[in-house]
Full PDB file with SEQRES, HELIX, SHEET, SSBOND, CRYST1, ORIGX, SCALE, CONECT and MASTER records, all heavy atoms in Angstrom:
SEQRES   1 A   32  THR ASN ILE LYS LEU PHE PHE ILE LEU VAL PHE PHE ILE          
SEQRES   2 A   32  GLY PHE ILE TYR PHE LEU GLY GLN PHE VAL GLN VAL MET          
SEQRES   3 A   32  ALA ARG LEU PHE ASP ILE                                      
HELIX    1 AA1 ASN A    2  LEU A   29  1                                  28    
CRYST1    1.000    1.000    1.000  90.00  90.00  90.00 P 1           1          
ORIGX1      1.000000  0.000000  0.000000        0.00000                         
ORIGX2      0.000000  1.000000  0.000000        0.00000                         
ORIGX3      0.000000  0.000000  1.000000        0.00000                         
SCALE1      1.000000  0.000000  0.000000        0.00000                         
SCALE2      0.000000  1.000000  0.000000        0.00000                         
SCALE3      0.000000  0.000000  1.000000        0.00000                         
ATOM      1  N   THR A   1     -98.928 -15.713  -3.315  1.00  0.00           N  
ATOM      2  CA  THR A   1     -98.523 -15.950  -1.928  1.00  0.00           C  
ATOM      3  C   THR A   1     -97.086 -15.498  -1.705  1.00  0.00           C  
ATOM      4  O   THR A   1     -96.782 -14.901  -0.663  1.00  0.00           O  
ATOM      5  CB  THR A   1     -98.674 -17.445  -1.580  1.00  0.00           C  
ATOM      6  OG1 THR A   1    -100.023 -17.840  -1.821  1.00  0.00           O  
ATOM      7  CG2 THR A   1     -98.320 -17.709  -0.136  1.00  0.00           C  
ATOM      8  N   ASN A   2     -96.204 -15.768  -2.651  1.00  0.00           N  
ATOM      9  CA  ASN A   2     -94.805 -15.352  -2.513  1.00  0.00           C  
ATOM     10  C   ASN A   2     -94.670 -13.834  -2.480  1.00  0.00           C  
ATOM     11  O   ASN A   2     -93.869 -13.301  -1.714  1.00  0.00           O  
ATOM     12  CB  ASN A   2     -93.961 -15.933  -3.638  1.00  0.00           C  
ATOM     13  CG  ASN A   2     -93.726 -17.413  -3.472  1.00  0.00           C  
ATOM     14  OD1 ASN A   2     -93.858 -17.954  -2.377  1.00  0.00           O  
ATOM     15  ND2 ASN A   2     -93.418 -18.090  -4.554  1.00  0.00           N  
ATOM     16  N   ILE A   3     -95.443 -13.138  -3.305  1.00  0.00           N  
ATOM     17  CA  ILE A   3     -95.419 -11.676  -3.290  1.00  0.00           C  
ATOM     18  C   ILE A   3     -95.899 -11.160  -1.942  1.00  0.00           C  
ATOM     19  O   ILE A   3     -95.298 -10.273  -1.344  1.00  0.00           O  
ATOM     20  CB  ILE A   3     -96.270 -11.103  -4.442  1.00  0.00           C  
ATOM     21  CG1 ILE A   3     -95.628 -11.425  -5.782  1.00  0.00           C  
ATOM     22  CG2 ILE A   3     -96.461  -9.596  -4.298  1.00  0.00           C  
ATOM     23  CD1 ILE A   3     -96.508 -11.117  -6.969  1.00  0.00           C  
ATOM     24  N   LYS A   4     -96.988 -11.728  -1.447  1.00  0.00           N  
ATOM     25  CA  LYS A   4     -97.537 -11.289  -0.165  1.00  0.00           C  
ATOM     26  C   LYS A   4     -96.563 -11.585   0.981  1.00  0.00           C  
ATOM     27  O   LYS A   4     -96.372 -10.742   1.863  1.00  0.00           O  
ATOM     28  CB  LYS A   4     -98.880 -11.957   0.104  1.00  0.00           C  
ATOM     29  CG  LYS A   4     -99.597 -11.358   1.300  1.00  0.00           C  
ATOM     30  CD  LYS A   4    -101.012 -11.826   1.403  1.00  0.00           C  
ATOM     31  CE  LYS A   4    -101.897 -11.210   0.394  1.00  0.00           C  
ATOM     32  NZ  LYS A   4    -102.372  -9.880   0.704  1.00  0.00           N  
ATOM     33  N   LEU A   5     -95.923 -12.744   0.973  1.00  0.00           N  
ATOM     34  CA  LEU A   5     -94.956 -13.074   2.018  1.00  0.00           C  
ATOM     35  C   LEU A   5     -93.750 -12.135   1.995  1.00  0.00           C  
ATOM     36  O   LEU A   5     -93.241 -11.746   3.049  1.00  0.00           O  
ATOM     37  CB  LEU A   5     -94.491 -14.523   1.884  1.00  0.00           C  
ATOM     38  CG  LEU A   5     -95.479 -15.575   2.344  1.00  0.00           C  
ATOM     39  CD1 LEU A   5     -94.938 -16.965   2.035  1.00  0.00           C  
ATOM     40  CD2 LEU A   5     -95.767 -15.436   3.819  1.00  0.00           C  
ATOM     41  N   PHE A   6     -93.306 -11.748   0.810  1.00  0.00           N  
ATOM     42  CA  PHE A   6     -92.198 -10.810   0.709  1.00  0.00           C  
ATOM     43  C   PHE A   6     -92.562  -9.476   1.351  1.00  0.00           C  
ATOM     44  O   PHE A   6     -91.785  -8.917   2.119  1.00  0.00           O  
ATOM     45  CB  PHE A   6     -91.804 -10.604  -0.760  1.00  0.00           C  
ATOM     46  CG  PHE A   6     -90.778  -9.527  -0.945  1.00  0.00           C  
ATOM     47  CD1 PHE A   6     -89.462  -9.753  -0.610  1.00  0.00           C  
ATOM     48  CD2 PHE A   6     -91.145  -8.283  -1.432  1.00  0.00           C  
ATOM     49  CE1 PHE A   6     -88.505  -8.762  -0.765  1.00  0.00           C  
ATOM     50  CE2 PHE A   6     -90.204  -7.276  -1.590  1.00  0.00           C  
ATOM     51  CZ  PHE A   6     -88.879  -7.525  -1.263  1.00  0.00           C  
ATOM     52  N   PHE A   7     -93.749  -8.977   1.072  1.00  0.00           N  
ATOM     53  CA  PHE A   7     -94.133  -7.688   1.624  1.00  0.00           C  
ATOM     54  C   PHE A   7     -94.496  -7.779   3.107  1.00  0.00           C  
ATOM     55  O   PHE A   7     -94.374  -6.794   3.833  1.00  0.00           O  
ATOM     56  CB  PHE A   7     -95.249  -7.051   0.807  1.00  0.00           C  
ATOM     57  CG  PHE A   7     -94.729  -6.425  -0.455  1.00  0.00           C  
ATOM     58  CD1 PHE A   7     -94.849  -7.073  -1.668  1.00  0.00           C  
ATOM     59  CD2 PHE A   7     -94.083  -5.212  -0.419  1.00  0.00           C  
ATOM     60  CE1 PHE A   7     -94.353  -6.511  -2.821  1.00  0.00           C  
ATOM     61  CE2 PHE A   7     -93.577  -4.637  -1.566  1.00  0.00           C  
ATOM     62  CZ  PHE A   7     -93.713  -5.293  -2.766  1.00  0.00           C  
ATOM     63  N   ILE A   8     -94.907  -8.946   3.569  1.00  0.00           N  
ATOM     64  CA  ILE A   8     -95.086  -9.139   5.017  1.00  0.00           C  
ATOM     65  C   ILE A   8     -93.729  -9.071   5.707  1.00  0.00           C  
ATOM     66  O   ILE A   8     -93.589  -8.460   6.772  1.00  0.00           O  
ATOM     67  CB  ILE A   8     -95.802 -10.471   5.310  1.00  0.00           C  
ATOM     68  CG1 ILE A   8     -97.272 -10.362   4.911  1.00  0.00           C  
ATOM     69  CG2 ILE A   8     -95.679 -10.868   6.773  1.00  0.00           C  
ATOM     70  CD1 ILE A   8     -98.033 -11.659   4.987  1.00  0.00           C  
ATOM     71  N   LEU A   9     -92.713  -9.657   5.099  1.00  0.00           N  
ATOM     72  CA  LEU A   9     -91.354  -9.572   5.642  1.00  0.00           C  
ATOM     73  C   LEU A   9     -90.871  -8.122   5.672  1.00  0.00           C  
ATOM     74  O   LEU A   9     -90.306  -7.676   6.676  1.00  0.00           O  
ATOM     75  CB  LEU A   9     -90.405 -10.433   4.810  1.00  0.00           C  
ATOM     76  CG  LEU A   9     -88.943 -10.419   5.216  1.00  0.00           C  
ATOM     77  CD1 LEU A   9     -88.783 -11.102   6.565  1.00  0.00           C  
ATOM     78  CD2 LEU A   9     -88.103 -11.095   4.165  1.00  0.00           C  
ATOM     79  N   VAL A  10     -91.129  -7.376   4.611  1.00  0.00           N  
ATOM     80  CA  VAL A  10     -90.753  -5.961   4.562  1.00  0.00           C  
ATOM     81  C   VAL A  10     -91.480  -5.194   5.666  1.00  0.00           C  
ATOM     82  O   VAL A  10     -90.891  -4.356   6.352  1.00  0.00           O  
ATOM     83  CB  VAL A  10     -91.061  -5.372   3.165  1.00  0.00           C  
ATOM     84  CG1 VAL A  10     -90.999  -3.857   3.169  1.00  0.00           C  
ATOM     85  CG2 VAL A  10     -90.113  -5.938   2.126  1.00  0.00           C  
ATOM     86  N   PHE A  11     -92.765  -5.490   5.864  1.00  0.00           N  
ATOM     87  CA  PHE A  11     -93.545  -4.834   6.905  1.00  0.00           C  
ATOM     88  C   PHE A  11     -92.965  -5.115   8.283  1.00  0.00           C  
ATOM     89  O   PHE A  11     -92.810  -4.214   9.108  1.00  0.00           O  
ATOM     90  CB  PHE A  11     -95.005  -5.301   6.841  1.00  0.00           C  
ATOM     91  CG  PHE A  11     -95.839  -4.827   7.981  1.00  0.00           C  
ATOM     92  CD1 PHE A  11     -96.325  -3.534   8.007  1.00  0.00           C  
ATOM     93  CD2 PHE A  11     -96.143  -5.673   9.033  1.00  0.00           C  
ATOM     94  CE1 PHE A  11     -97.100  -3.086   9.062  1.00  0.00           C  
ATOM     95  CE2 PHE A  11     -96.914  -5.240  10.087  1.00  0.00           C  
ATOM     96  CZ  PHE A  11     -97.393  -3.939  10.103  1.00  0.00           C  
ATOM     97  N   PHE A  12     -92.627  -6.369   8.562  1.00  0.00           N  
ATOM     98  CA  PHE A  12     -92.102  -6.713   9.880  1.00  0.00           C  
ATOM     99  C   PHE A  12     -90.721  -6.123  10.137  1.00  0.00           C  
ATOM    100  O   PHE A  12     -90.382  -5.833  11.278  1.00  0.00           O  
ATOM    101  CB  PHE A  12     -92.099  -8.226  10.101  1.00  0.00           C  
ATOM    102  CG  PHE A  12     -93.427  -8.726  10.581  1.00  0.00           C  
ATOM    103  CD1 PHE A  12     -94.161  -9.614   9.830  1.00  0.00           C  
ATOM    104  CD2 PHE A  12     -93.953  -8.296  11.776  1.00  0.00           C  
ATOM    105  CE1 PHE A  12     -95.384 -10.059  10.255  1.00  0.00           C  
ATOM    106  CE2 PHE A  12     -95.180  -8.739  12.232  1.00  0.00           C  
ATOM    107  CZ  PHE A  12     -95.899  -9.624  11.466  1.00  0.00           C  
ATOM    108  N   ILE A  13     -89.923  -5.942   9.111  1.00  0.00           N  
ATOM    109  CA  ILE A  13     -88.633  -5.282   9.294  1.00  0.00           C  
ATOM    110  C   ILE A  13     -88.851  -3.851   9.777  1.00  0.00           C  
ATOM    111  O   ILE A  13     -88.224  -3.400  10.732  1.00  0.00           O  
ATOM    112  CB  ILE A  13     -87.806  -5.322   7.988  1.00  0.00           C  
ATOM    113  CG1 ILE A  13     -87.320  -6.736   7.719  1.00  0.00           C  
ATOM    114  CG2 ILE A  13     -86.628  -4.359   8.053  1.00  0.00           C  
ATOM    115  CD1 ILE A  13     -86.698  -6.921   6.351  1.00  0.00           C  
ATOM    116  N   GLY A  14     -89.762  -3.147   9.128  1.00  0.00           N  
ATOM    117  CA  GLY A  14     -90.088  -1.787   9.562  1.00  0.00           C  
ATOM    118  C   GLY A  14     -90.723  -1.758  10.944  1.00  0.00           C  
ATOM    119  O   GLY A  14     -90.423  -0.886  11.765  1.00  0.00           O  
ATOM    120  N   PHE A  15     -91.587  -2.725  11.220  1.00  0.00           N  
ATOM    121  CA  PHE A  15     -92.263  -2.786  12.517  1.00  0.00           C  
ATOM    122  C   PHE A  15     -91.272  -3.026  13.648  1.00  0.00           C  
ATOM    123  O   PHE A  15     -91.339  -2.378  14.698  1.00  0.00           O  
ATOM    124  CB  PHE A  15     -93.324  -3.893  12.494  1.00  0.00           C  
ATOM    125  CG  PHE A  15     -94.044  -4.059  13.788  1.00  0.00           C  
ATOM    126  CD1 PHE A  15     -95.021  -3.150  14.169  1.00  0.00           C  
ATOM    127  CD2 PHE A  15     -93.750  -5.119  14.628  1.00  0.00           C  
ATOM    128  CE1 PHE A  15     -95.694  -3.295  15.364  1.00  0.00           C  
ATOM    129  CE2 PHE A  15     -94.410  -5.271  15.824  1.00  0.00           C  
ATOM    130  CZ  PHE A  15     -95.393  -4.356  16.200  1.00  0.00           C  
ATOM    131  N   ILE A  16     -90.339  -3.942  13.447  1.00  0.00           N  
ATOM    132  CA  ILE A  16     -89.348  -4.242  14.483  1.00  0.00           C  
ATOM    133  C   ILE A  16     -88.440  -3.035  14.715  1.00  0.00           C  
ATOM    134  O   ILE A  16     -88.073  -2.742  15.861  1.00  0.00           O  
ATOM    135  CB  ILE A  16     -88.543  -5.504  14.096  1.00  0.00           C  
ATOM    136  CG1 ILE A  16     -89.446  -6.734  14.225  1.00  0.00           C  
ATOM    137  CG2 ILE A  16     -87.297  -5.665  14.958  1.00  0.00           C  
ATOM    138  CD1 ILE A  16     -88.863  -7.996  13.662  1.00  0.00           C  
ATOM    139  N   TYR A  17     -88.088  -2.318  13.662  1.00  0.00           N  
ATOM    140  CA  TYR A  17     -87.273  -1.118  13.826  1.00  0.00           C  
ATOM    141  C   TYR A  17     -87.999  -0.093  14.703  1.00  0.00           C  
ATOM    142  O   TYR A  17     -87.427   0.441  15.648  1.00  0.00           O  
ATOM    143  CB  TYR A  17     -86.937  -0.501  12.466  1.00  0.00           C  
ATOM    144  CG  TYR A  17     -86.244   0.826  12.598  1.00  0.00           C  
ATOM    145  CD1 TYR A  17     -84.906   0.887  12.942  1.00  0.00           C  
ATOM    146  CD2 TYR A  17     -86.937   2.018  12.407  1.00  0.00           C  
ATOM    147  CE1 TYR A  17     -84.261   2.107  13.085  1.00  0.00           C  
ATOM    148  CE2 TYR A  17     -86.305   3.233  12.550  1.00  0.00           C  
ATOM    149  CZ  TYR A  17     -84.973   3.280  12.886  1.00  0.00           C  
ATOM    150  OH  TYR A  17     -84.355   4.479  13.036  1.00  0.00           O  
ATOM    151  N   PHE A  18     -89.266   0.182  14.387  1.00  0.00           N  
ATOM    152  CA  PHE A  18     -89.995   1.184  15.164  1.00  0.00           C  
ATOM    153  C   PHE A  18     -90.323   0.691  16.567  1.00  0.00           C  
ATOM    154  O   PHE A  18     -90.431   1.488  17.495  1.00  0.00           O  
ATOM    155  CB  PHE A  18     -91.255   1.628  14.430  1.00  0.00           C  
ATOM    156  CG  PHE A  18     -90.961   2.617  13.341  1.00  0.00           C  
ATOM    157  CD1 PHE A  18     -91.114   2.277  12.018  1.00  0.00           C  
ATOM    158  CD2 PHE A  18     -90.494   3.878  13.648  1.00  0.00           C  
ATOM    159  CE1 PHE A  18     -90.826   3.182  11.020  1.00  0.00           C  
ATOM    160  CE2 PHE A  18     -90.196   4.796  12.657  1.00  0.00           C  
ATOM    161  CZ  PHE A  18     -90.361   4.437  11.338  1.00  0.00           C  
ATOM    162  N   LEU A  19     -90.458  -0.603  16.761  1.00  0.00           N  
ATOM    163  CA  LEU A  19     -90.634  -1.143  18.106  1.00  0.00           C  
ATOM    164  C   LEU A  19     -89.374  -0.916  18.932  1.00  0.00           C  
ATOM    165  O   LEU A  19     -89.452  -0.530  20.103  1.00  0.00           O  
ATOM    166  CB  LEU A  19     -90.966  -2.640  18.039  1.00  0.00           C  
ATOM    167  CG  LEU A  19     -91.289  -3.322  19.348  1.00  0.00           C  
ATOM    168  CD1 LEU A  19     -92.576  -2.736  19.935  1.00  0.00           C  
ATOM    169  CD2 LEU A  19     -91.441  -4.809  19.134  1.00  0.00           C  
ATOM    170  N   GLY A  20     -88.212  -1.115  18.334  1.00  0.00           N  
ATOM    171  CA  GLY A  20     -86.951  -0.827  19.025  1.00  0.00           C  
ATOM    172  C   GLY A  20     -86.806   0.645  19.357  1.00  0.00           C  
ATOM    173  O   GLY A  20     -86.341   1.010  20.441  1.00  0.00           O  
ATOM    174  N   GLN A  21     -87.219   1.512  18.444  1.00  0.00           N  
ATOM    175  CA  GLN A  21     -87.183   2.945  18.712  1.00  0.00           C  
ATOM    176  C   GLN A  21     -88.112   3.304  19.863  1.00  0.00           C  
ATOM    177  O   GLN A  21     -87.782   4.131  20.709  1.00  0.00           O  
ATOM    178  CB  GLN A  21     -87.587   3.732  17.458  1.00  0.00           C  
ATOM    179  CG  GLN A  21     -86.599   3.629  16.336  1.00  0.00           C  
ATOM    180  CD  GLN A  21     -85.271   4.263  16.694  1.00  0.00           C  
ATOM    181  OE1 GLN A  21     -85.221   5.359  17.220  1.00  0.00           O  
ATOM    182  NE2 GLN A  21     -84.196   3.555  16.425  1.00  0.00           N  
ATOM    183  N   PHE A  22     -89.283   2.677  19.902  1.00  0.00           N  
ATOM    184  CA  PHE A  22     -90.240   2.920  20.978  1.00  0.00           C  
ATOM    185  C   PHE A  22     -89.672   2.502  22.327  1.00  0.00           C  
ATOM    186  O   PHE A  22     -89.809   3.218  23.327  1.00  0.00           O  
ATOM    187  CB  PHE A  22     -91.548   2.167  20.695  1.00  0.00           C  
ATOM    188  CG  PHE A  22     -92.541   2.238  21.804  1.00  0.00           C  
ATOM    189  CD1 PHE A  22     -93.269   3.393  22.017  1.00  0.00           C  
ATOM    190  CD2 PHE A  22     -92.747   1.147  22.639  1.00  0.00           C  
ATOM    191  CE1 PHE A  22     -94.196   3.469  23.049  1.00  0.00           C  
ATOM    192  CE2 PHE A  22     -93.659   1.214  23.666  1.00  0.00           C  
ATOM    193  CZ  PHE A  22     -94.388   2.375  23.870  1.00  0.00           C  
ATOM    194  N   VAL A  23     -89.007   1.363  22.369  1.00  0.00           N  
ATOM    195  CA  VAL A  23     -88.407   0.890  23.624  1.00  0.00           C  
ATOM    196  C   VAL A  23     -87.332   1.854  24.089  1.00  0.00           C  
ATOM    197  O   VAL A  23     -87.234   2.172  25.284  1.00  0.00           O  
ATOM    198  CB  VAL A  23     -87.842  -0.540  23.444  1.00  0.00           C  
ATOM    199  CG1 VAL A  23     -86.955  -0.942  24.605  1.00  0.00           C  
ATOM    200  CG2 VAL A  23     -88.977  -1.532  23.280  1.00  0.00           C  
ATOM    201  N   GLN A  24     -86.521   2.354  23.176  1.00  0.00           N  
ATOM    202  CA  GLN A  24     -85.480   3.311  23.558  1.00  0.00           C  
ATOM    203  C   GLN A  24     -86.075   4.602  24.103  1.00  0.00           C  
ATOM    204  O   GLN A  24     -85.594   5.146  25.106  1.00  0.00           O  
ATOM    205  CB  GLN A  24     -84.590   3.623  22.357  1.00  0.00           C  
ATOM    206  CG  GLN A  24     -83.678   2.492  21.977  1.00  0.00           C  
ATOM    207  CD  GLN A  24     -82.840   2.834  20.763  1.00  0.00           C  
ATOM    208  OE1 GLN A  24     -82.978   3.902  20.176  1.00  0.00           O  
ATOM    209  NE2 GLN A  24     -81.958   1.913  20.389  1.00  0.00           N  
ATOM    210  N   VAL A  25     -87.131   5.102  23.481  1.00  0.00           N  
ATOM    211  CA  VAL A  25     -87.761   6.336  23.950  1.00  0.00           C  
ATOM    212  C   VAL A  25     -88.387   6.142  25.324  1.00  0.00           C  
ATOM    213  O   VAL A  25     -88.245   6.988  26.216  1.00  0.00           O  
ATOM    214  CB  VAL A  25     -88.813   6.827  22.924  1.00  0.00           C  
ATOM    215  CG1 VAL A  25     -89.692   7.917  23.503  1.00  0.00           C  
ATOM    216  CG2 VAL A  25     -88.128   7.314  21.659  1.00  0.00           C  
ATOM    217  N   MET A  26     -89.072   5.021  25.513  1.00  0.00           N  
ATOM    218  CA  MET A  26     -89.706   4.764  26.807  1.00  0.00           C  
ATOM    219  C   MET A  26     -88.666   4.550  27.900  1.00  0.00           C  
ATOM    220  O   MET A  26     -88.865   4.956  29.049  1.00  0.00           O  
ATOM    221  CB  MET A  26     -90.652   3.559  26.717  1.00  0.00           C  
ATOM    222  CG  MET A  26     -91.846   3.794  25.819  1.00  0.00           C  
ATOM    223  SD  MET A  26     -92.791   5.257  26.237  1.00  0.00           S  
ATOM    224  CE  MET A  26     -93.599   4.737  27.701  1.00  0.00           C  
ATOM    225  N   ALA A  27     -87.539   3.929  27.569  1.00  0.00           N  
ATOM    226  CA  ALA A  27     -86.479   3.735  28.550  1.00  0.00           C  
ATOM    227  C   ALA A  27     -85.882   5.075  28.966  1.00  0.00           C  
ATOM    228  O   ALA A  27     -85.610   5.302  30.154  1.00  0.00           O  
ATOM    229  CB  ALA A  27     -85.396   2.825  27.982  1.00  0.00           C  
ATOM    230  N   ARG A  28     -85.691   5.961  28.007  1.00  0.00           N  
ATOM    231  CA  ARG A  28     -85.198   7.299  28.354  1.00  0.00           C  
ATOM    232  C   ARG A  28     -86.219   8.071  29.180  1.00  0.00           C  
ATOM    233  O   ARG A  28     -85.856   8.803  30.095  1.00  0.00           O  
ATOM    234  CB  ARG A  28     -84.861   8.090  27.085  1.00  0.00           C  
ATOM    235  CG  ARG A  28     -83.502   7.770  26.560  1.00  0.00           C  
ATOM    236  CD  ARG A  28     -83.118   8.734  25.447  1.00  0.00           C  
ATOM    237  NE  ARG A  28     -82.697   7.912  24.324  1.00  0.00           N  
ATOM    238  CZ  ARG A  28     -83.201   7.961  23.106  1.00  0.00           C  
ATOM    239  NH1 ARG A  28     -84.133   8.814  22.801  1.00  0.00           N  
ATOM    240  NH2 ARG A  28     -82.751   7.161  22.164  1.00  0.00           N  
ATOM    241  N   LEU A  29     -87.480   7.906  28.869  1.00  0.00           N  
ATOM    242  CA  LEU A  29     -88.543   8.618  29.578  1.00  0.00           C  
ATOM    243  C   LEU A  29     -88.608   8.201  31.044  1.00  0.00           C  
ATOM    244  O   LEU A  29     -88.779   9.036  31.930  1.00  0.00           O  
ATOM    245  CB  LEU A  29     -89.895   8.367  28.903  1.00  0.00           C  
ATOM    246  CG  LEU A  29     -91.107   9.060  29.505  1.00  0.00           C  
ATOM    247  CD1 LEU A  29     -90.998  10.562  29.280  1.00  0.00           C  
ATOM    248  CD2 LEU A  29     -92.379   8.524  28.888  1.00  0.00           C  
ATOM    249  N   PHE A  30     -88.452   6.921  31.313  1.00  0.00           N  
ATOM    250  CA  PHE A  30     -88.522   6.411  32.682  1.00  0.00           C  
ATOM    251  C   PHE A  30     -87.149   6.216  33.326  1.00  0.00           C  
ATOM    252  O   PHE A  30     -87.031   5.556  34.354  1.00  0.00           O  
ATOM    253  CB  PHE A  30     -89.306   5.100  32.714  1.00  0.00           C  
ATOM    254  CG  PHE A  30     -90.758   5.271  32.384  1.00  0.00           C  
ATOM    255  CD1 PHE A  30     -91.290   4.730  31.231  1.00  0.00           C  
ATOM    256  CD2 PHE A  30     -91.587   5.985  33.226  1.00  0.00           C  
ATOM    257  CE1 PHE A  30     -92.625   4.888  30.921  1.00  0.00           C  
ATOM    258  CE2 PHE A  30     -92.924   6.156  32.937  1.00  0.00           C  
ATOM    259  CZ  PHE A  30     -93.450   5.610  31.775  1.00  0.00           C  
ATOM    260  N   ASP A  31     -86.104   6.734  32.721  1.00  0.00           N  
ATOM    261  CA  ASP A  31     -84.730   6.652  33.226  1.00  0.00           C  
ATOM    262  C   ASP A  31     -84.290   5.214  33.498  1.00  0.00           C  
ATOM    263  O   ASP A  31     -83.716   4.894  34.532  1.00  0.00           O  
ATOM    264  CB  ASP A  31     -84.562   7.488  34.503  1.00  0.00           C  
ATOM    265  CG  ASP A  31     -84.711   8.970  34.224  1.00  0.00           C  
ATOM    266  OD1 ASP A  31     -84.317   9.390  33.122  1.00  0.00           O  
ATOM    267  OD2 ASP A  31     -85.223   9.686  35.105  1.00  0.00           O  
ATOM    268  N   ILE A  32     -84.542   4.341  32.571  1.00  0.00           N  
ATOM    269  CA  ILE A  32     -84.122   2.945  32.665  1.00  0.00           C  
ATOM    270  C   ILE A  32     -82.886   2.782  31.787  1.00  0.00           C  
ATOM    271  O   ILE A  32     -82.937   3.025  30.580  1.00  0.00           O  
ATOM    272  CB  ILE A  32     -85.230   1.986  32.192  1.00  0.00           C  
ATOM    273  CG1 ILE A  32     -86.470   2.150  33.060  1.00  0.00           C  
ATOM    274  CG2 ILE A  32     -84.732   0.545  32.221  1.00  0.00           C  
ATOM    275  CD1 ILE A  32     -87.666   1.390  32.540  1.00  0.00           C  
TER     276      ILE A  32                                                      
MASTER        0    0    0    1    0    0    0    6  275    1    0    3          
END                                                                             
């Protein structure tokens, strides 16, 4: 369980980064 939780944390760090990148791209696309 500890190994799985560690890699879930690693996954969410990457996911949040790419979600932020997506928001920036969409904001530029719609001039927000």
